Every structure is written in C-alpha cells, then in structure tokens.
Amino acid sequence: MWPGTFFTILRILEILTLIPIWGILAFFVHEHPGIGNTAFSDILCLFIVAIFATVWAVATISLFYRRNLPMWAAVIDLCFFGVLIAGVVLLAPFVPDADCVGINWGFGYSNGGYGYTDGYWSKECSMYKAAYALGILNIIMFFFTAVLAAWIWRKHTTVAYRY
C-alpha cells in the first residue's frame, strides 16, 4: 500500500515539475533564430525529453496497477533517468556560475531615492538555472519511482509453489 501511494505522489510531483521545464525551454526554442546550431540542439534535448517524460508519467498514473506495468514502469523510468541526466548535462554549459542578479550598492541618488545605484537581472540566466534545477529534481524523482515500481512488481509477482 505505501509503495503505491509514494509512487503516485512522486508521479504527480514529476508531472508538476516537468511542465515548467516545457515552458522555460519553449521560450528559448521559440526565440532561436535558426536551426542547425549545436546550442539549439542542446536546449532541445531536455525540452523533448521533458515532453516525453510527462506523457509517460500521465500514462502510468492511470494504468499503473495493471498486470505487468510496474515492471515496464521501472525499466522505462530508468531509461528516462538516464536521458534526463543527458539533457541536464547538455544544458549545463548554459547555466553560468555567477549570480543572475547583480546589485552594486552605493550612496548615489537613483530612481527617485537613495539606495542601489546600479543593478541588473538576467531573465535568461534565471530561466536556464530554473530548468537545470527542475531537471535535477526530476532525475532524482524518476530514480525513486523506478525503485518503487520494481519493489511493487516484485512484491506482487511472487508465486507460491505447491509440491
């Protein structure tokens, strides 16, 4: 009972964290000027994997307690675990090491009051970091759902032999 409940909760959390990855990376796919660039294909990898993983997560929630689906859920979740790792690794060069927000404090007069004199916020940097973090979170959750699905399959397929 508990493994199935945890599996369902994790699966719903996966869906809720995969959908923002679509939106974030769709912004970059839409804004890209041309096709054939390696940077574009690196972004597109995690975007496509997130879409397929969401479809798989929705399908397994509705069909999980069928006969052999927990076995296939464990295998395919491990495949998504690996492909999500690849997508996050390909997205890693776009995530800068520096902060996305920079504020230089000073005593200057700016924007009608005293306070910071110079500052910036990089929307693209923040979006890349959010997609990167959500990708890592989904890697962890897909691993745990694979383990839970294998546990459920193993628990429900033990056969008692009579001699």
C-alpha atoms as a PDB file:
ATOM      1  CA  MET A   1       0.000   0.000   0.000  1.00  0.00           C
ATOM      2  CA  TRP A   2       2.665   2.525   0.999  1.00  0.00           C
ATOM      3  CA  PRO A   3       4.904   1.988  -2.040  1.00  0.00           C
ATOM      4  CA  GLY A   4       1.950   2.562  -4.354  1.00  0.00           C
ATOM      5  CA  THR A   5       0.962   5.724  -2.516  1.00  0.00           C
ATOM      6  CA  PHE A   6       4.513   7.075  -2.613  1.00  0.00           C
ATOM      7  CA  PHE A   7       4.742   6.154  -6.297  1.00  0.00           C
ATOM      8  CA  THR A   8       1.565   8.084  -7.088  1.00  0.00           C
ATOM      9  CA  ILE A   9       2.666  11.128  -5.082  1.00  0.00           C
ATOM     10  CA  LEU A  10       6.077  11.171  -6.756  1.00  0.00           C
ATOM     11  CA  ARG A  11       4.477  10.732 -10.168  1.00  0.00           C
ATOM     12  CA  ILE A  12       2.200  13.729  -9.606  1.00  0.00           C
ATOM     13  CA  LEU A  13       5.199  15.776  -8.428  1.00  0.00           C
ATOM     14  CA  GLU A  14       7.074  14.718 -11.570  1.00  0.00           C
ATOM     15  CA  ILE A  15       4.253  15.982 -13.756  1.00  0.00           C
ATOM     16  CA  LEU A  16       4.097  19.262 -11.834  1.00  0.00           C
ATOM     17  CA  THR A  17       7.841  19.827 -12.216  1.00  0.00           C
ATOM     18  CA  LEU A  18       8.169  18.674 -15.832  1.00  0.00           C
ATOM     19  CA  ILE A  19       5.576  21.097 -17.189  1.00  0.00           C
ATOM     20  CA  PRO A  20       7.556  24.227 -16.145  1.00  0.00           C
ATOM     21  CA  ILE A  21      10.579  22.800 -17.962  1.00  0.00           C
ATOM     22  CA  TRP A  22       8.459  22.810 -21.137  1.00  0.00           C
ATOM     23  CA  GLY A  23       7.527  26.438 -20.681  1.00  0.00           C
ATOM     24  CA  ILE A  24      11.013  27.608 -19.802  1.00  0.00           C
ATOM     25  CA  LEU A  25      12.742  25.826 -22.664  1.00  0.00           C
ATOM     26  CA  ALA A  26       9.931  26.621 -25.107  1.00  0.00           C
ATOM     27  CA  PHE A  27      10.869  30.267 -24.669  1.00  0.00           C
ATOM     28  CA  PHE A  28      14.381  29.525 -25.905  1.00  0.00           C
ATOM     29  CA  VAL A  29      13.156  27.258 -28.702  1.00  0.00           C
ATOM     30  CA  HIS A  30      10.772  29.992 -29.883  1.00  0.00           C
ATOM     31  CA  GLU A  31      13.386  32.747 -29.667  1.00  0.00           C
ATOM     32  CA  HIS A  32      16.064  30.801 -31.564  1.00  0.00           C
ATOM     33  CA  PRO A  33      16.768  32.378 -34.982  1.00  0.00           C
ATOM     34  CA  GLY A  34      17.922  29.339 -36.944  1.00  0.00           C
ATOM     35  CA  ILE A  35      18.089  25.565 -36.974  1.00  0.00           C
ATOM     36  CA  GLY A  36      21.256  23.518 -37.029  1.00  0.00           C
ATOM     37  CA  ASN A  37      23.065  25.202 -34.195  1.00  0.00           C
ATOM     38  CA  THR A  38      24.553  22.863 -31.596  1.00  0.00           C
ATOM     39  CA  ALA A  39      23.443  25.167 -28.777  1.00  0.00           C
ATOM     40  CA  PHE A  40      19.884  24.901 -30.032  1.00  0.00           C
ATOM     41  CA  SER A  41      20.038  21.107 -30.135  1.00  0.00           C
ATOM     42  CA  ASP A  42      21.401  21.021 -26.572  1.00  0.00           C
ATOM     43  CA  ILE A  43      18.415  23.013 -25.338  1.00  0.00           C
ATOM     44  CA  LEU A  44      16.046  20.979 -27.486  1.00  0.00           C
ATOM     45  CA  CYS A  45      17.247  17.697 -25.935  1.00  0.00           C
ATOM     46  CA  LEU A  46      15.926  18.450 -22.436  1.00  0.00           C
ATOM     47  CA  PHE A  47      12.794  20.049 -23.926  1.00  0.00           C
ATOM     48  CA  ILE A  48      11.849  16.900 -25.863  1.00  0.00           C
ATOM     49  CA  VAL A  49      12.785  14.573 -23.008  1.00  0.00           C
ATOM     50  CA  ALA A  50      10.584  16.590 -20.631  1.00  0.00           C
ATOM     51  CA  ILE A  51       7.626  16.292 -23.002  1.00  0.00           C
ATOM     52  CA  PHE A  52       8.038  12.522 -23.401  1.00  0.00           C
ATOM     53  CA  ALA A  53       8.566  12.066 -19.652  1.00  0.00           C
ATOM     54  CA  THR A  54       5.370  13.969 -18.906  1.00  0.00           C
ATOM     55  CA  VAL A  55       3.366  11.840 -21.324  1.00  0.00           C
ATOM     56  CA  TRP A  56       4.840   8.698 -19.744  1.00  0.00           C
ATOM     57  CA  ALA A  57       4.083   9.951 -16.226  1.00  0.00           C
ATOM     58  CA  VAL A  58       0.450  10.711 -17.083  1.00  0.00           C
ATOM     59  CA  ALA A  59       0.021   7.324 -18.774  1.00  0.00           C
ATOM     60  CA  THR A  60       1.465   5.378 -15.863  1.00  0.00           C
ATOM     61  CA  ILE A  61      -0.701   7.113 -13.276  1.00  0.00           C
ATOM     62  CA  SER A  62      -3.849   5.906 -14.979  1.00  0.00           C
ATOM     63  CA  LEU A  63      -2.597   2.421 -15.898  1.00  0.00           C
ATOM     64  CA  PHE A  64      -0.148   1.567 -13.111  1.00  0.00           C
ATOM     65  CA  TYR A  65      -1.986  -1.242 -11.382  1.00  0.00           C
ATOM     66  CA  ARG A  66      -2.361  -3.414 -14.466  1.00  0.00           C
ATOM     67  CA  ARG A  67      -0.705  -6.785 -14.599  1.00  0.00           C
ATOM     68  CA  ASN A  68       2.888  -6.180 -15.766  1.00  0.00           C
ATOM     69  CA  LEU A  69       3.005  -2.402 -15.941  1.00  0.00           C
ATOM     70  CA  PRO A  70       5.077  -1.926 -12.744  1.00  0.00           C
ATOM     71  CA  MET A  71       7.884  -3.932 -14.374  1.00  0.00           C
ATOM     72  CA  TRP A  72       7.788  -1.783 -17.513  1.00  0.00           C
ATOM     73  CA  ALA A  73       7.434   1.367 -15.439  1.00  0.00           C
ATOM     74  CA  ALA A  74      10.648   0.500 -13.606  1.00  0.00           C
ATOM     75  CA  VAL A  75      12.545  -0.158 -16.834  1.00  0.00           C
ATOM     76  CA  ILE A  76      11.291   2.908 -18.694  1.00  0.00           C
ATOM     77  CA  ASP A  77      11.750   5.136 -15.626  1.00  0.00           C
ATOM     78  CA  LEU A  78      15.404   4.076 -15.539  1.00  0.00           C
ATOM     79  CA  CYS A  79      15.632   4.976 -19.228  1.00  0.00           C
ATOM     80  CA  PHE A  80      14.158   8.420 -18.506  1.00  0.00           C
ATOM     81  CA  PHE A  81      16.578   8.688 -15.570  1.00  0.00           C
ATOM     82  CA  GLY A  82      19.483   8.293 -17.983  1.00  0.00           C
ATOM     83  CA  VAL A  83      18.087  10.529 -20.707  1.00  0.00           C
ATOM     84  CA  LEU A  84      17.276  13.278 -18.203  1.00  0.00           C
ATOM     85  CA  ILE A  85      20.870  13.110 -16.990  1.00  0.00           C
ATOM     86  CA  ALA A  86      21.992  13.600 -20.593  1.00  0.00           C
ATOM     87  CA  GLY A  87      19.616  16.543 -21.038  1.00  0.00           C
ATOM     88  CA  VAL A  88      20.804  18.237 -17.851  1.00  0.00           C
ATOM     89  CA  VAL A  89      24.461  17.675 -18.768  1.00  0.00           C
ATOM     90  CA  LEU A  90      23.847  19.243 -22.191  1.00  0.00           C
ATOM     91  CA  LEU A  91      22.097  22.200 -20.545  1.00  0.00           C
ATOM     92  CA  ALA A  92      24.915  22.708 -18.001  1.00  0.00           C
ATOM     93  CA  PRO A  93      27.107  24.994 -20.176  1.00  0.00           C
ATOM     94  CA  PHE A  94      24.220  27.465 -20.417  1.00  0.00           C
ATOM     95  CA  VAL A  95      23.988  27.795 -16.637  1.00  0.00           C
ATOM     96  CA  PRO A  96      26.598  30.364 -15.638  1.00  0.00           C
ATOM     97  CA  ASP A  97      28.465  30.080 -12.373  1.00  0.00           C
ATOM     98  CA  ALA A  98      27.773  33.683 -11.419  1.00  0.00           C
ATOM     99  CA  ASP A  99      24.612  35.095  -9.912  1.00  0.00           C
ATOM    100  CA  CYS A 100      21.815  36.150 -12.212  1.00  0.00           C
ATOM    101  CA  VAL A 101      21.162  39.257 -10.131  1.00  0.00           C
ATOM    102  CA  GLY A 102      23.789  41.882  -9.572  1.00  0.00           C
ATOM    103  CA  ILE A 103      23.371  44.916  -7.374  1.00  0.00           C
ATOM    104  CA  ASN A 104      26.079  47.430  -6.725  1.00  0.00           C
ATOM    105  CA  TRP A 105      25.178  49.269  -3.562  1.00  0.00           C
ATOM    106  CA  GLY A 106      26.224  52.843  -3.171  1.00  0.00           C
ATOM    107  CA  PHE A 107      25.221  56.230  -1.855  1.00  0.00           C
ATOM    108  CA  GLY A 108      24.018  57.511  -5.159  1.00  0.00           C
ATOM    109  CA  TYR A 109      20.681  59.004  -5.986  1.00  0.00           C
ATOM    110  CA  SER A 110      18.830  56.712  -8.373  1.00  0.00           C
ATOM    111  CA  ASN A 111      15.210  56.163  -9.327  1.00  0.00           C
ATOM    112  CA  GLY A 112      13.848  58.811  -7.040  1.00  0.00           C
ATOM    113  CA  GLY A 113      15.557  57.728  -3.826  1.00  0.00           C
ATOM    114  CA  TYR A 114      18.743  56.676  -2.142  1.00  0.00           C
ATOM    115  CA  GLY A 115      19.735  53.039  -2.411  1.00  0.00           C
ATOM    116  CA  TYR A 116      21.328  50.930  -5.048  1.00  0.00           C
ATOM    117  CA  THR A 117      22.865  52.823  -7.897  1.00  0.00           C
ATOM    118  CA  ASP A 118      23.376  50.099 -10.440  1.00  0.00           C
ATOM    119  CA  GLY A 119      21.714  46.745 -10.806  1.00  0.00           C
ATOM    120  CA  TYR A 120      20.639  44.149 -13.321  1.00  0.00           C
ATOM    121  CA  TRP A 121      18.625  40.967 -13.533  1.00  0.00           C
ATOM    122  CA  SER A 122      19.193  38.415 -16.247  1.00  0.00           C
ATOM    123  CA  LYS A 123      15.939  36.721 -17.207  1.00  0.00           C
ATOM    124  CA  GLU A 124      17.652  34.166 -19.443  1.00  0.00           C
ATOM    125  CA  CYS A 125      20.143  33.225 -16.747  1.00  0.00           C
ATOM    126  CA  SER A 126      17.353  32.678 -14.226  1.00  0.00           C
ATOM    127  CA  MET A 127      15.343  30.611 -16.679  1.00  0.00           C
ATOM    128  CA  TYR A 128      18.302  28.368 -17.512  1.00  0.00           C
ATOM    129  CA  LYS A 129      19.023  27.845 -13.822  1.00  0.00           C
ATOM    130  CA  ALA A 130      15.380  27.014 -13.096  1.00  0.00           C
ATOM    131  CA  ALA A 131      15.222  24.451 -15.925  1.00  0.00           C
ATOM    132  CA  TYR A 132      18.529  22.985 -14.754  1.00  0.00           C
ATOM    133  CA  ALA A 133      17.356  22.662 -11.142  1.00  0.00           C
ATOM    134  CA  LEU A 134      13.999  21.167 -12.129  1.00  0.00           C
ATOM    135  CA  GLY A 135      15.818  18.708 -14.386  1.00  0.00           C
ATOM    136  CA  ILE A 136      17.994  17.553 -11.495  1.00  0.00           C
ATOM    137  CA  LEU A 137      14.921  17.232  -9.290  1.00  0.00           C
ATOM    138  CA  ASN A 138      13.226  15.059 -11.920  1.00  0.00           C
ATOM    139  CA  ILE A 139      16.319  12.865 -12.229  1.00  0.00           C
ATOM    140  CA  ILE A 140      16.068  12.092  -8.516  1.00  0.00           C
ATOM    141  CA  MET A 141      12.313  11.503  -8.651  1.00  0.00           C
ATOM    142  CA  PHE A 142      12.492   9.211 -11.696  1.00  0.00           C
ATOM    143  CA  PHE A 143      15.119   7.102  -9.937  1.00  0.00           C
ATOM    144  CA  PHE A 144      12.914   6.739  -6.863  1.00  0.00           C
ATOM    145  CA  THR A 145       9.813   5.904  -8.915  1.00  0.00           C
ATOM    146  CA  ALA A 146      11.826   3.238 -10.758  1.00  0.00           C
ATOM    147  CA  VAL A 147      12.852   1.703  -7.441  1.00  0.00           C
ATOM    148  CA  LEU A 148       9.283   1.864  -6.100  1.00  0.00           C
ATOM    149  CA  ALA A 149       7.844   0.337  -9.297  1.00  0.00           C
ATOM    150  CA  ALA A 150      10.362  -2.514  -9.141  1.00  0.00           C
ATOM    151  CA  TRP A 151       9.504  -3.055  -5.484  1.00  0.00           C
ATOM    152  CA  ILE A 152       5.772  -3.161  -6.258  1.00  0.00           C
ATOM    153  CA  TRP A 153       6.320  -5.521  -9.183  1.00  0.00           C
ATOM    154  CA  ARG A 154       8.496  -7.828  -7.081  1.00  0.00           C
ATOM    155  CA  LYS A 155       6.023  -7.824  -4.197  1.00  0.00           C
ATOM    156  CA  HIS A 156       3.003  -8.617  -6.356  1.00  0.00           C
ATOM    157  CA  THR A 157       4.577 -11.250  -8.601  1.00  0.00           C
ATOM    158  CA  THR A 158       5.948 -13.686  -6.054  1.00  0.00           C
ATOM    159  CA  VAL A 159       4.471 -17.087  -6.675  1.00  0.00           C
ATOM    160  CA  ALA A 160       3.990 -19.705  -4.008  1.00  0.00           C
ATOM    161  CA  TYR A 161       4.721 -23.194  -5.315  1.00  0.00           C
ATOM    162  CA  ARG A 162       2.961 -26.296  -4.089  1.00  0.00           C
ATOM    163  CA  TYR A 163       4.721 -29.614  -4.151  1.00  0.00           C
END
